[in-house]
Amino acid sequence: MKAEQQLIELATSADARAIADLSRDVIEQGLGWSWTAPRVLKALRDDATNVIVARSHRLLADVAGFAIMKYGDDTAHIVLFAVDAAYRRNGIGSALILWLETTARTAGINTIALEARSRNHEARTFYKRLGFNEVGVRVSYYRGVEDAVRFEKSLIAE
């Protein structure tokens, strides 16, 4: 699927199960499953959180990727982000991040932060390519099992 063959939109409650399953299979492997459908539904209802999905135009019901971002006063935090392996390397991840950045700028956000598993070199390379900077390490961040690398991206025009 090419980047131009996708639709990015706000998730609905009907997407909660697909988001939870993708989180379990892609993000939470080896950690235990905490982003269950009820937790995703809670995020969908939170006024300070955006939950978005990327859909394939071929299968509009298919969630190819998603992102959950929580907004603070000046900083937004990408809490959860994944693209299904079958849809990777086609611009979906970049398009999701661009959507989040555009929305954050509109909301007056100065910085977007996120964490990635320290051993996930593919994710770390992806975030760096999109202008995120590694700003620290959170020891045992992932349920005491693995460290996280903290990333930030300034949205303030230089």
N, C-alpha and C. Protein backbone atom coordinates (compact mmCIF):
# COMPACT_ATOMS: atom_id res chain seq x y z
N MET A 1 0.85 -1.18 0.00
CA MET A 1 0.00 0.00 0.00
C MET A 1 0.89 1.24 0.00
N LYS A 2 0.68 2.12 -0.91
CA LYS A 2 1.45 3.36 -0.98
C LYS A 2 0.81 4.41 -0.08
N ALA A 3 1.61 5.41 0.32
CA ALA A 3 1.16 6.43 1.26
C ALA A 3 -0.11 7.11 0.78
N GLU A 4 -0.23 7.36 -0.53
CA GLU A 4 -1.40 8.08 -1.01
C GLU A 4 -2.67 7.22 -1.02
N GLN A 5 -2.54 5.94 -0.72
CA GLN A 5 -3.68 5.05 -0.70
C GLN A 5 -4.15 4.76 0.72
N GLN A 6 -4.11 5.75 1.56
CA GLN A 6 -4.50 5.56 2.95
C GLN A 6 -5.44 6.66 3.39
N LEU A 7 -6.10 6.42 4.46
CA LEU A 7 -6.99 7.39 5.06
C LEU A 7 -6.64 7.47 6.53
N ILE A 8 -6.30 8.66 7.00
CA ILE A 8 -6.03 8.85 8.43
C ILE A 8 -7.18 9.63 9.01
N GLU A 9 -7.72 9.12 10.10
CA GLU A 9 -8.88 9.75 10.72
C GLU A 9 -8.91 9.43 12.20
N LEU A 10 -9.75 10.17 12.91
CA LEU A 10 -9.95 9.87 14.33
C LEU A 10 -10.55 8.48 14.47
N ALA A 11 -10.06 7.74 15.42
CA ALA A 11 -10.58 6.40 15.68
C ALA A 11 -11.97 6.50 16.30
N THR A 12 -12.71 5.44 16.16
CA THR A 12 -14.02 5.33 16.79
C THR A 12 -14.00 4.14 17.75
N SER A 13 -15.05 4.01 18.53
CA SER A 13 -15.12 2.90 19.47
C SER A 13 -15.05 1.56 18.74
N ALA A 14 -15.50 1.51 17.50
CA ALA A 14 -15.43 0.27 16.72
C ALA A 14 -13.99 -0.15 16.42
N ASP A 15 -13.04 0.79 16.54
CA ASP A 15 -11.63 0.50 16.27
C ASP A 15 -10.88 0.01 17.51
N ALA A 16 -11.49 0.09 18.67
CA ALA A 16 -10.78 -0.20 19.93
C ALA A 16 -10.17 -1.60 19.94
N ARG A 17 -10.89 -2.59 19.50
CA ARG A 17 -10.38 -3.97 19.52
C ARG A 17 -9.19 -4.12 18.58
N ALA A 18 -9.27 -3.55 17.38
CA ALA A 18 -8.16 -3.66 16.42
C ALA A 18 -6.92 -2.94 16.94
N ILE A 19 -7.10 -1.78 17.57
CA ILE A 19 -5.98 -1.04 18.15
C ILE A 19 -5.36 -1.85 19.29
N ALA A 20 -6.19 -2.39 20.15
CA ALA A 20 -5.69 -3.19 21.28
C ALA A 20 -4.93 -4.42 20.78
N ASP A 21 -5.46 -5.09 19.79
CA ASP A 21 -4.80 -6.28 19.26
C ASP A 21 -3.46 -5.92 18.63
N LEU A 22 -3.41 -4.82 17.89
CA LEU A 22 -2.16 -4.39 17.27
C LEU A 22 -1.14 -4.00 18.34
N SER A 23 -1.60 -3.35 19.40
CA SER A 23 -0.70 -3.02 20.51
C SER A 23 -0.14 -4.28 21.14
N ARG A 24 -0.98 -5.24 21.39
CA ARG A 24 -0.54 -6.51 22.00
C ARG A 24 0.49 -7.21 21.12
N ASP A 25 0.22 -7.26 19.82
CA ASP A 25 1.06 -8.03 18.90
C ASP A 25 2.34 -7.32 18.48
N VAL A 26 2.32 -5.98 18.42
CA VAL A 26 3.45 -5.24 17.90
C VAL A 26 4.24 -4.52 18.99
N ILE A 27 3.55 -3.89 19.91
CA ILE A 27 4.23 -3.04 20.91
C ILE A 27 4.52 -3.79 22.21
N GLU A 28 3.55 -4.51 22.70
CA GLU A 28 3.65 -5.06 24.05
C GLU A 28 4.18 -6.49 24.11
N GLN A 29 4.76 -6.98 23.05
CA GLN A 29 5.32 -8.33 23.05
C GLN A 29 6.31 -8.50 24.19
N GLY A 30 6.13 -9.54 24.98
CA GLY A 30 7.04 -9.83 26.07
C GLY A 30 6.82 -9.00 27.32
N LEU A 31 5.84 -8.12 27.30
CA LEU A 31 5.61 -7.24 28.44
C LEU A 31 4.30 -7.53 29.18
N GLY A 32 3.45 -8.30 28.60
CA GLY A 32 2.10 -8.44 29.13
C GLY A 32 1.22 -7.40 28.45
N TRP A 33 -0.04 -7.68 28.37
CA TRP A 33 -0.96 -6.84 27.60
C TRP A 33 -1.67 -5.88 28.52
N SER A 34 -1.41 -4.57 28.36
CA SER A 34 -2.09 -3.58 29.20
C SER A 34 -3.02 -2.68 28.39
N TRP A 35 -2.76 -2.52 27.09
CA TRP A 35 -3.62 -1.67 26.26
C TRP A 35 -4.73 -2.51 25.65
N THR A 36 -5.63 -2.96 26.52
CA THR A 36 -6.78 -3.75 26.12
C THR A 36 -7.84 -2.83 25.50
N ALA A 37 -8.86 -3.43 24.90
CA ALA A 37 -9.92 -2.65 24.28
C ALA A 37 -10.57 -1.67 25.27
N PRO A 38 -10.87 -2.05 26.51
CA PRO A 38 -11.44 -1.08 27.45
C PRO A 38 -10.51 0.11 27.72
N ARG A 39 -9.22 -0.12 27.78
CA ARG A 39 -8.28 0.99 28.00
C ARG A 39 -8.24 1.90 26.78
N VAL A 40 -8.27 1.33 25.59
CA VAL A 40 -8.32 2.15 24.37
C VAL A 40 -9.61 2.96 24.35
N LEU A 41 -10.72 2.36 24.72
CA LEU A 41 -12.00 3.10 24.79
C LEU A 41 -11.91 4.27 25.76
N LYS A 42 -11.23 4.07 26.87
CA LYS A 42 -11.04 5.16 27.84
C LYS A 42 -10.25 6.31 27.20
N ALA A 43 -9.21 5.98 26.44
CA ALA A 43 -8.43 7.01 25.75
C ALA A 43 -9.29 7.74 24.72
N LEU A 44 -10.14 7.00 24.04
CA LEU A 44 -11.04 7.62 23.04
C LEU A 44 -11.98 8.63 23.69
N ARG A 45 -12.36 8.40 24.92
CA ARG A 45 -13.29 9.29 25.62
C ARG A 45 -12.60 10.47 26.31
N ASP A 46 -11.27 10.43 26.39
CA ASP A 46 -10.51 11.47 27.09
C ASP A 46 -10.36 12.71 26.20
N ASP A 47 -10.85 13.85 26.66
CA ASP A 47 -10.79 15.09 25.88
C ASP A 47 -9.37 15.56 25.61
N ALA A 48 -8.40 15.13 26.40
CA ALA A 48 -7.02 15.56 26.23
C ALA A 48 -6.20 14.58 25.39
N THR A 49 -6.89 13.65 24.74
CA THR A 49 -6.20 12.60 23.98
C THR A 49 -6.80 12.46 22.59
N ASN A 50 -5.91 12.31 21.59
CA ASN A 50 -6.34 11.96 20.24
C ASN A 50 -5.95 10.52 19.97
N VAL A 51 -6.88 9.78 19.42
CA VAL A 51 -6.60 8.42 18.96
C VAL A 51 -6.92 8.43 17.47
N ILE A 52 -5.90 8.14 16.65
CA ILE A 52 -6.10 8.16 15.20
C ILE A 52 -5.74 6.80 14.62
N VAL A 53 -6.33 6.52 13.46
CA VAL A 53 -6.03 5.28 12.74
C VAL A 53 -5.71 5.60 11.29
N ALA A 54 -4.90 4.75 10.71
CA ALA A 54 -4.65 4.78 9.27
C ALA A 54 -5.36 3.56 8.69
N ARG A 55 -6.14 3.81 7.66
CA ARG A 55 -6.89 2.72 7.03
C ARG A 55 -6.42 2.55 5.59
N SER A 56 -6.50 1.35 5.13
CA SER A 56 -6.22 1.06 3.73
C SER A 56 -7.47 1.40 2.92
N HIS A 57 -7.29 2.06 1.77
CA HIS A 57 -8.44 2.31 0.91
C HIS A 57 -9.00 1.00 0.34
N ARG A 58 -8.14 -0.02 0.29
CA ARG A 58 -8.62 -1.32 -0.18
C ARG A 58 -9.60 -1.92 0.81
N LEU A 59 -9.29 -1.80 2.09
CA LEU A 59 -10.12 -2.38 3.15
C LEU A 59 -10.34 -1.32 4.21
N LEU A 60 -11.34 -0.48 4.03
CA LEU A 60 -11.53 0.66 4.91
C LEU A 60 -11.75 0.27 6.37
N ALA A 61 -12.18 -0.94 6.61
CA ALA A 61 -12.37 -1.38 7.99
C ALA A 61 -11.05 -1.83 8.61
N ASP A 62 -10.04 -2.01 7.79
CA ASP A 62 -8.75 -2.51 8.24
C ASP A 62 -7.93 -1.39 8.87
N VAL A 63 -7.48 -1.57 10.11
CA VAL A 63 -6.60 -0.61 10.78
C VAL A 63 -5.18 -1.01 10.44
N ALA A 64 -4.54 -0.20 9.59
CA ALA A 64 -3.17 -0.46 9.16
C ALA A 64 -2.17 0.07 10.18
N GLY A 65 -2.57 1.07 10.94
CA GLY A 65 -1.72 1.66 11.96
C GLY A 65 -2.54 2.58 12.84
N PHE A 66 -1.95 3.00 13.94
CA PHE A 66 -2.67 3.90 14.85
C PHE A 66 -1.68 4.68 15.69
N ALA A 67 -2.18 5.72 16.32
CA ALA A 67 -1.40 6.49 17.29
C ALA A 67 -2.34 7.02 18.36
N ILE A 68 -1.82 7.09 19.58
CA ILE A 68 -2.54 7.69 20.71
C ILE A 68 -1.63 8.78 21.26
N MET A 69 -2.13 10.02 21.28
CA MET A 69 -1.33 11.13 21.78
C MET A 69 -2.13 11.92 22.80
N LYS A 70 -1.51 12.15 23.96
CA LYS A 70 -2.12 12.91 25.06
C LYS A 70 -1.52 14.31 25.08
N TYR A 71 -2.37 15.30 25.25
CA TYR A 71 -1.97 16.71 25.22
C TYR A 71 -1.85 17.28 26.62
N GLY A 72 -0.76 18.02 26.85
CA GLY A 72 -0.59 18.82 28.05
C GLY A 72 -0.70 20.29 27.65
N ASP A 73 -0.21 21.18 28.50
CA ASP A 73 -0.27 22.60 28.19
C ASP A 73 0.65 22.98 27.03
N ASP A 74 1.90 22.56 27.08
CA ASP A 74 2.89 22.90 26.06
C ASP A 74 3.48 21.69 25.35
N THR A 75 3.29 20.51 25.93
CA THR A 75 3.89 19.30 25.39
C THR A 75 2.81 18.25 25.17
N ALA A 76 2.95 17.54 24.07
CA ALA A 76 2.09 16.38 23.81
C ALA A 76 2.97 15.14 23.90
N HIS A 77 2.36 14.03 24.29
CA HIS A 77 3.09 12.78 24.48
C HIS A 77 2.44 11.69 23.64
N ILE A 78 3.22 11.13 22.72
CA ILE A 78 2.73 9.98 21.95
C ILE A 78 2.85 8.77 22.86
N VAL A 79 1.72 8.32 23.32
CA VAL A 79 1.65 7.26 24.31
C VAL A 79 1.81 5.89 23.66
N LEU A 80 1.25 5.75 22.47
CA LEU A 80 1.25 4.45 21.79
C LEU A 80 1.23 4.71 20.29
N PHE A 81 2.02 3.93 19.55
CA PHE A 81 2.14 4.13 18.10
C PHE A 81 2.55 2.81 17.47
N ALA A 82 1.82 2.39 16.44
CA ALA A 82 2.19 1.15 15.75
C ALA A 82 1.64 1.15 14.33
N VAL A 83 2.37 0.46 13.48
CA VAL A 83 1.92 0.17 12.11
C VAL A 83 2.02 -1.34 11.94
N ASP A 84 0.96 -1.94 11.46
CA ASP A 84 0.94 -3.37 11.20
C ASP A 84 2.08 -3.73 10.24
N ALA A 85 2.77 -4.83 10.51
CA ALA A 85 3.92 -5.23 9.70
C ALA A 85 3.58 -5.34 8.21
N ALA A 86 2.36 -5.73 7.89
CA ALA A 86 1.96 -5.87 6.48
C ALA A 86 1.88 -4.53 5.76
N TYR A 87 1.85 -3.43 6.50
CA TYR A 87 1.69 -2.10 5.90
C TYR A 87 2.92 -1.21 6.09
N ARG A 88 3.98 -1.74 6.66
CA ARG A 88 5.15 -0.91 6.92
C ARG A 88 5.91 -0.56 5.65
N ARG A 89 6.71 0.51 5.78
CA ARG A 89 7.58 1.00 4.70
C ARG A 89 6.79 1.50 3.49
N ASN A 90 5.60 2.03 3.77
CA ASN A 90 4.76 2.60 2.73
C ASN A 90 4.29 4.00 3.08
N GLY A 91 4.90 4.62 4.07
CA GLY A 91 4.57 5.99 4.43
C GLY A 91 3.48 6.15 5.46
N ILE A 92 2.93 5.06 5.94
CA ILE A 92 1.83 5.17 6.91
C ILE A 92 2.32 5.75 8.23
N GLY A 93 3.42 5.25 8.74
CA GLY A 93 3.94 5.78 10.01
C GLY A 93 4.26 7.26 9.92
N SER A 94 4.91 7.66 8.83
CA SER A 94 5.23 9.08 8.63
C SER A 94 3.98 9.92 8.53
N ALA A 95 2.97 9.41 7.84
CA ALA A 95 1.71 10.15 7.69
C ALA A 95 1.00 10.29 9.04
N LEU A 96 1.03 9.25 9.86
CA LEU A 96 0.44 9.35 11.20
C LEU A 96 1.14 10.42 12.04
N ILE A 97 2.48 10.40 12.02
CA ILE A 97 3.25 11.39 12.78
C ILE A 97 2.96 12.80 12.26
N LEU A 98 2.91 12.98 10.95
CA LEU A 98 2.62 14.30 10.37
C LEU A 98 1.25 14.79 10.82
N TRP A 99 0.26 13.93 10.84
CA TRP A 99 -1.09 14.29 11.31
C TRP A 99 -1.01 14.76 12.76
N LEU A 100 -0.28 14.02 13.60
CA LEU A 100 -0.15 14.39 15.01
C LEU A 100 0.57 15.73 15.16
N GLU A 101 1.64 15.93 14.41
CA GLU A 101 2.38 17.19 14.48
C GLU A 101 1.52 18.37 14.06
N THR A 102 0.78 18.21 12.99
CA THR A 102 -0.10 19.28 12.50
C THR A 102 -1.15 19.63 13.54
N THR A 103 -1.74 18.63 14.13
CA THR A 103 -2.76 18.83 15.15
C THR A 103 -2.16 19.48 16.40
N ALA A 104 -0.98 19.03 16.79
CA ALA A 104 -0.32 19.60 17.97
C ALA A 104 0.02 21.07 17.75
N ARG A 105 0.53 21.41 16.58
CA ARG A 105 0.83 22.82 16.28
C ARG A 105 -0.44 23.67 16.37
N THR A 106 -1.52 23.16 15.83
CA THR A 106 -2.80 23.87 15.86
C THR A 106 -3.26 24.10 17.31
N ALA A 107 -2.93 23.15 18.18
CA ALA A 107 -3.32 23.26 19.60
C ALA A 107 -2.33 24.10 20.41
N GLY A 108 -1.29 24.63 19.76
CA GLY A 108 -0.32 25.46 20.47
C GLY A 108 0.74 24.68 21.22
N ILE A 109 0.92 23.44 20.87
CA ILE A 109 1.92 22.58 21.52
C ILE A 109 3.31 22.93 20.99
N ASN A 110 4.29 23.00 21.89
CA ASN A 110 5.67 23.32 21.50
C ASN A 110 6.54 22.09 21.25
N THR A 111 6.23 20.99 21.95
CA THR A 111 7.09 19.81 21.90
C THR A 111 6.25 18.55 21.90
N ILE A 112 6.69 17.56 21.12
CA ILE A 112 6.10 16.22 21.17
C ILE A 112 7.16 15.29 21.75
N ALA A 113 6.76 14.48 22.71
CA ALA A 113 7.66 13.52 23.35
C ALA A 113 7.11 12.10 23.14
N LEU A 114 8.00 11.14 23.22
CA LEU A 114 7.62 9.73 23.14
C LEU A 114 8.75 8.88 23.66
N GLU A 115 8.48 7.60 23.88
CA GLU A 115 9.49 6.64 24.26
C GLU A 115 9.47 5.49 23.26
N ALA A 116 10.64 4.88 23.09
CA ALA A 116 10.77 3.67 22.28
C ALA A 116 11.65 2.69 23.04
N ARG A 117 11.39 1.42 22.84
CA ARG A 117 12.24 0.40 23.46
C ARG A 117 13.68 0.63 23.04
N SER A 118 14.59 0.51 23.98
CA SER A 118 16.00 0.76 23.68
C SER A 118 16.54 -0.20 22.63
N ARG A 119 16.03 -1.41 22.57
CA ARG A 119 16.50 -2.40 21.59
C ARG A 119 15.79 -2.30 20.25
N ASN A 120 14.81 -1.41 20.13
CA ASN A 120 14.06 -1.29 18.88
C ASN A 120 14.76 -0.29 17.96
N HIS A 121 15.80 -0.75 17.31
CA HIS A 121 16.62 0.12 16.46
C HIS A 121 15.84 0.64 15.25
N GLU A 122 14.91 -0.15 14.74
CA GLU A 122 14.09 0.29 13.61
C GLU A 122 13.25 1.51 14.01
N ALA A 123 12.63 1.45 15.17
CA ALA A 123 11.82 2.58 15.64
C ALA A 123 12.70 3.79 15.92
N ARG A 124 13.83 3.57 16.53
CA ARG A 124 14.72 4.68 16.85
C ARG A 124 15.19 5.39 15.58
N THR A 125 15.52 4.62 14.56
CA THR A 125 15.93 5.20 13.27
C THR A 125 14.77 5.96 12.64
N PHE A 126 13.58 5.40 12.71
CA PHE A 126 12.38 6.04 12.16
C PHE A 126 12.13 7.40 12.81
N TYR A 127 12.16 7.45 14.14
CA TYR A 127 11.90 8.72 14.84
C TYR A 127 12.98 9.75 14.56
N LYS A 128 14.22 9.33 14.50
CA LYS A 128 15.31 10.26 14.18
C LYS A 128 15.13 10.82 12.77
N ARG A 129 14.74 9.98 11.84
CA ARG A 129 14.52 10.44 10.46
C ARG A 129 13.43 11.50 10.39
N LEU A 130 12.48 11.44 11.32
CA LEU A 130 11.38 12.40 11.34
C LEU A 130 11.68 13.63 12.21
N GLY A 131 12.93 13.76 12.65
CA GLY A 131 13.33 14.96 13.38
C GLY A 131 13.25 14.89 14.88
N PHE A 132 13.00 13.71 15.43
CA PHE A 132 12.99 13.54 16.88
C PHE A 132 14.42 13.34 17.36
N ASN A 133 14.72 13.85 18.54
CA ASN A 133 16.04 13.72 19.13
C ASN A 133 15.98 12.85 20.37
N GLU A 134 16.97 11.97 20.52
CA GLU A 134 17.08 11.19 21.74
C GLU A 134 17.54 12.12 22.86
N VAL A 135 16.76 12.17 23.93
CA VAL A 135 17.09 13.10 25.01
C VAL A 135 17.35 12.42 26.35
N GLY A 136 17.25 11.11 26.39
CA GLY A 136 17.52 10.42 27.64
C GLY A 136 17.10 8.97 27.60
N VAL A 137 17.39 8.29 28.68
CA VAL A 137 17.03 6.88 28.83
C VAL A 137 16.23 6.74 30.12
N ARG A 138 15.18 5.98 30.06
CA ARG A 138 14.39 5.66 31.25
C ARG A 138 14.64 4.19 31.58
N VAL A 139 15.39 3.97 32.65
CA VAL A 139 15.79 2.63 33.04
C VAL A 139 14.57 1.83 33.49
N SER A 140 14.45 0.61 32.98
CA SER A 140 13.36 -0.32 33.34
C SER A 140 11.98 0.27 33.10
N TYR A 141 11.84 1.15 32.15
CA TYR A 141 10.58 1.85 31.88
C TYR A 141 9.46 0.88 31.51
N TYR A 142 9.79 -0.11 30.72
CA TYR A 142 8.77 -1.05 30.26
C TYR A 142 8.62 -2.19 31.26
N ARG A 143 7.81 -1.93 32.28
CA ARG A 143 7.43 -2.90 33.31
C ARG A 143 8.62 -3.60 33.94
N GLY A 144 9.72 -2.85 34.08
CA GLY A 144 10.91 -3.40 34.71
C GLY A 144 11.69 -4.36 33.84
N VAL A 145 11.24 -4.54 32.59
CA VAL A 145 11.84 -5.53 31.70
C VAL A 145 12.87 -4.90 30.75
N GLU A 146 12.58 -3.68 30.32
CA GLU A 146 13.45 -3.07 29.30
C GLU A 146 13.49 -1.56 29.48
N ASP A 147 14.65 -0.99 29.12
CA ASP A 147 14.81 0.46 29.14
C ASP A 147 14.11 1.10 27.96
N ALA A 148 13.79 2.37 28.11
CA ALA A 148 13.21 3.16 27.03
C ALA A 148 14.13 4.31 26.69
N VAL A 149 14.18 4.65 25.44
CA VAL A 149 14.86 5.85 24.99
C VAL A 149 13.79 6.92 24.85
N ARG A 150 14.02 8.05 25.46
CA ARG A 150 13.07 9.17 25.39
C ARG A 150 13.45 10.05 24.20
N PHE A 151 12.44 10.40 23.41
CA PHE A 151 12.60 11.26 22.25
C PHE A 151 11.77 12.52 22.43
N GLU A 152 12.24 13.62 21.86
CA GLU A 152 11.47 14.86 21.80
C GLU A 152 11.68 15.51 20.44
N LYS A 153 10.65 16.22 20.03
CA LYS A 153 10.74 17.02 18.81
C LYS A 153 10.12 18.38 19.09
N SER A 154 10.88 19.42 18.81
CA SER A 154 10.38 20.78 18.96
C SER A 154 9.53 21.13 17.75
N LEU A 155 8.39 21.74 18.00
CA LEU A 155 7.50 22.18 16.93
C LEU A 155 7.61 23.67 16.68
N ILE A 156 8.51 24.32 17.42
CA ILE A 156 8.70 25.76 17.29
C ILE A 156 9.59 26.03 16.08
N ALA A 157 9.11 26.85 15.17
CA ALA A 157 9.90 27.18 13.96
C ALA A 157 11.15 27.93 14.37
N GLU A 158 12.27 27.52 13.79
CA GLU A 158 13.54 28.17 14.14
C GLU A 158 13.83 29.33 13.22
